[in-house]
Amino acid sequence: MRIAQQAGIYVERFALQGEQAEQFITLYREYNKALHAIREQYAQPIGLAATGPTDEQVEKRLLDGFAQSRAILDVREKYYHLFRAILTPSQVRHIFEDERARRDQVQKPAA
């Protein structure tokens, strides 16, 4: 789902109006842009050698994964505090849970 559409769904679900809705939409776009930049920074190459990854490649992926997780956590914590100026803690939790569910859905292997 596009970010603008998702922001609109949250505005409606949380009954945000006027300036509060505008602030939320701007903040939500910034939040998603920050997450996207992290994912791009740590994107992994699609193909690996036919013999499988080397120990060095495995180690790099593991360490990159740790760094990516830390960076995402930092962004989520930063935006939690920014969202809290507009939303309740339960509403912010809802955003984070939806984000995790969408990410899990995208990462789920095709059956």
Protein backbone atom coordinates (compact mmCIF):
# COMPACT_ATOMS: atom_id res chain seq x y z
CA MET A 1 0.00 0.00 0.00
CA ARG A 2 1.28 3.42 -0.79
CA ILE A 3 2.44 5.60 2.08
CA ALA A 4 -0.06 8.38 1.34
CA GLN A 5 -2.93 5.88 1.33
CA GLN A 6 -1.78 4.32 4.59
CA ALA A 7 -1.41 7.76 6.18
CA GLY A 8 -4.97 8.56 5.08
CA ILE A 9 -6.22 5.34 6.66
CA TYR A 10 -4.57 6.27 9.95
CA VAL A 11 -5.93 9.82 9.81
CA GLU A 12 -9.42 8.37 9.43
CA ARG A 13 -8.93 5.57 11.99
CA PHE A 14 -7.52 7.96 14.60
CA ALA A 15 -10.06 10.70 13.75
CA LEU A 16 -7.36 13.29 13.15
CA GLN A 17 -8.48 16.60 11.72
CA GLY A 18 -7.05 19.82 10.41
CA GLU A 19 -3.52 20.71 11.42
CA GLN A 20 -3.17 17.54 13.48
CA ALA A 21 -3.91 15.42 10.38
CA GLU A 22 -1.46 17.44 8.26
CA GLN A 23 1.28 17.10 10.89
CA PHE A 24 0.70 13.36 11.12
CA ILE A 25 0.81 12.84 7.34
CA THR A 26 4.07 14.80 7.05
CA LEU A 27 5.60 12.93 9.98
CA TYR A 28 4.42 9.54 8.72
CA ARG A 29 5.99 10.20 5.32
CA GLU A 30 9.28 11.22 6.95
CA TYR A 31 9.20 8.07 9.10
CA ASN A 32 8.70 5.81 6.11
CA LYS A 33 11.36 7.64 4.12
CA ALA A 34 13.85 7.08 6.97
CA LEU A 35 13.00 3.35 7.13
CA HIS A 36 13.30 3.03 3.36
CA ALA A 37 16.74 4.67 3.42
CA ILE A 38 17.93 2.14 6.00
CA ARG A 39 16.60 -0.78 3.98
CA GLU A 40 18.31 0.56 0.86
CA GLN A 41 21.57 1.04 2.74
CA TYR A 42 21.61 -2.58 3.88
CA ALA A 43 20.08 -4.20 0.79
CA GLN A 44 21.67 -7.54 0.03
CA PRO A 45 22.68 -8.68 -3.44
CA ILE A 46 20.15 -11.13 -4.87
CA GLY A 47 22.44 -13.82 -6.21
CA LEU A 48 25.12 -15.83 -4.48
CA ALA A 49 27.79 -18.08 -5.89
CA ALA A 50 26.60 -21.54 -6.91
CA THR A 51 28.65 -23.05 -4.09
CA GLY A 52 26.84 -20.96 -1.48
CA PRO A 53 28.02 -18.04 0.59
CA THR A 54 31.51 -17.98 2.03
CA ASP A 55 32.04 -17.57 5.76
CA GLU A 56 33.05 -13.95 5.11
CA GLN A 57 29.79 -13.31 3.25
CA VAL A 58 27.76 -14.94 6.01
CA GLU A 59 29.54 -12.90 8.66
CA LYS A 60 29.02 -9.67 6.71
CA ARG A 61 25.30 -10.40 6.32
CA LEU A 62 24.96 -11.13 10.02
CA LEU A 63 26.80 -7.98 11.07
CA ASP A 64 24.88 -5.90 8.53
CA GLY A 65 21.65 -7.37 9.88
CA PHE A 66 22.57 -6.32 13.41
CA ALA A 67 23.44 -2.81 12.23
CA GLN A 68 20.21 -2.56 10.24
CA SER A 69 18.15 -3.70 13.23
CA ARG A 70 19.84 -1.09 15.44
CA ALA A 71 19.25 1.65 12.86
CA ILE A 72 15.58 0.71 12.50
CA LEU A 73 15.17 0.66 16.29
CA ASP A 74 16.74 4.13 16.52
CA VAL A 75 14.32 5.47 13.88
CA ARG A 76 11.34 3.86 15.56
CA GLU A 77 12.32 5.32 18.94
CA LYS A 78 12.87 8.78 17.46
CA TYR A 79 9.54 8.74 15.65
CA TYR A 80 7.73 7.30 18.67
CA HIS A 81 8.51 10.52 20.51
CA LEU A 82 7.55 12.65 17.50
CA PHE A 83 4.29 10.74 16.93
CA ARG A 84 3.47 11.11 20.64
CA ALA A 85 3.07 14.85 20.13
CA ILE A 86 0.02 13.96 17.99
CA LEU A 87 -1.09 10.44 18.96
CA THR A 88 -1.69 8.30 22.03
CA PRO A 89 0.75 5.51 22.89
CA SER A 90 -1.84 2.95 21.74
CA GLN A 91 -2.15 4.65 18.37
CA VAL A 92 1.62 4.69 17.91
CA ARG A 93 1.78 1.02 18.88
CA HIS A 94 -0.86 0.32 16.24
CA ILE A 95 1.30 1.99 13.56
CA PHE A 96 4.37 -0.01 14.57
CA GLU A 97 2.42 -3.28 14.68
CA ASP A 98 0.93 -2.62 11.23
CA GLU A 99 4.40 -1.85 9.88
CA ARG A 100 5.75 -5.12 11.27
CA ALA A 101 2.81 -7.11 9.85
CA ARG A 102 3.27 -5.56 6.38
CA ARG A 103 7.02 -6.26 6.49
CA ASP A 104 6.40 -9.86 7.55
CA GLN A 105 3.85 -10.28 4.75
CA VAL A 106 6.33 -9.01 2.16
CA GLN A 107 9.11 -11.24 3.49
CA LYS A 108 6.92 -14.34 3.71
CA PRO A 109 7.97 -16.93 1.12
CA ALA A 110 5.42 -17.65 -1.59
CA ALA A 111 3.52 -20.85 -0.92
